[in-house]
Amino acid sequence: MKVILTADQLQEIEAHGEGSYPNEGAGFMLGKIASGEVQITTLLTLDNQREEEAQHNRYELSPKDFMQAELQAAKQGLDLVGVFHSHPDHPAVPSEFDREYAWPHFSYIISSIEGGKATITRAWRLKEDRSAFDEDTLTTHN
């Protein structure tokens, strides 16, 4: 699957991760899925709802956050297509925790934030059998 977003959207995702450092930052992605491509249209940056002592290596988005994202997507004629989050001082690779809580058909964009600076951002999709993630192609345009 190819995940397409603008260079500005990628910068916004990475800036949110940097701003959340040393904790994980997260948010939702709204857009459309067609012909093997996920086109990101809107980003919703959110506060990490995880308890304070766990925010350095976990994120949580509340049921209210999900509901508001779905409503905003519907108003814009879009779909809730995925989640982005950061990994402070860890690779941009899904963790076992990420796998346990991931949803099939969602795109997951993960930014590695090393020492407060974004170093790499990658896209992932949970396999249908939930056993692991496959890496998606992340493409930016202006």
Foldseek 3Di string as FASTA:
>chain_A
DEEEEAPVVVVVLQLQQLVQPLFKWKWWFKADDDDNYTYTDDIDTDDFPDPPVCRNADGDDDPVRVVVVQVVNVVVVIHGAAMEMEHEQDDQFDDPVCLVPDDARHKYKYFYQYPSGTDDIWIWGQDPVSPGIDTHHYYHHD
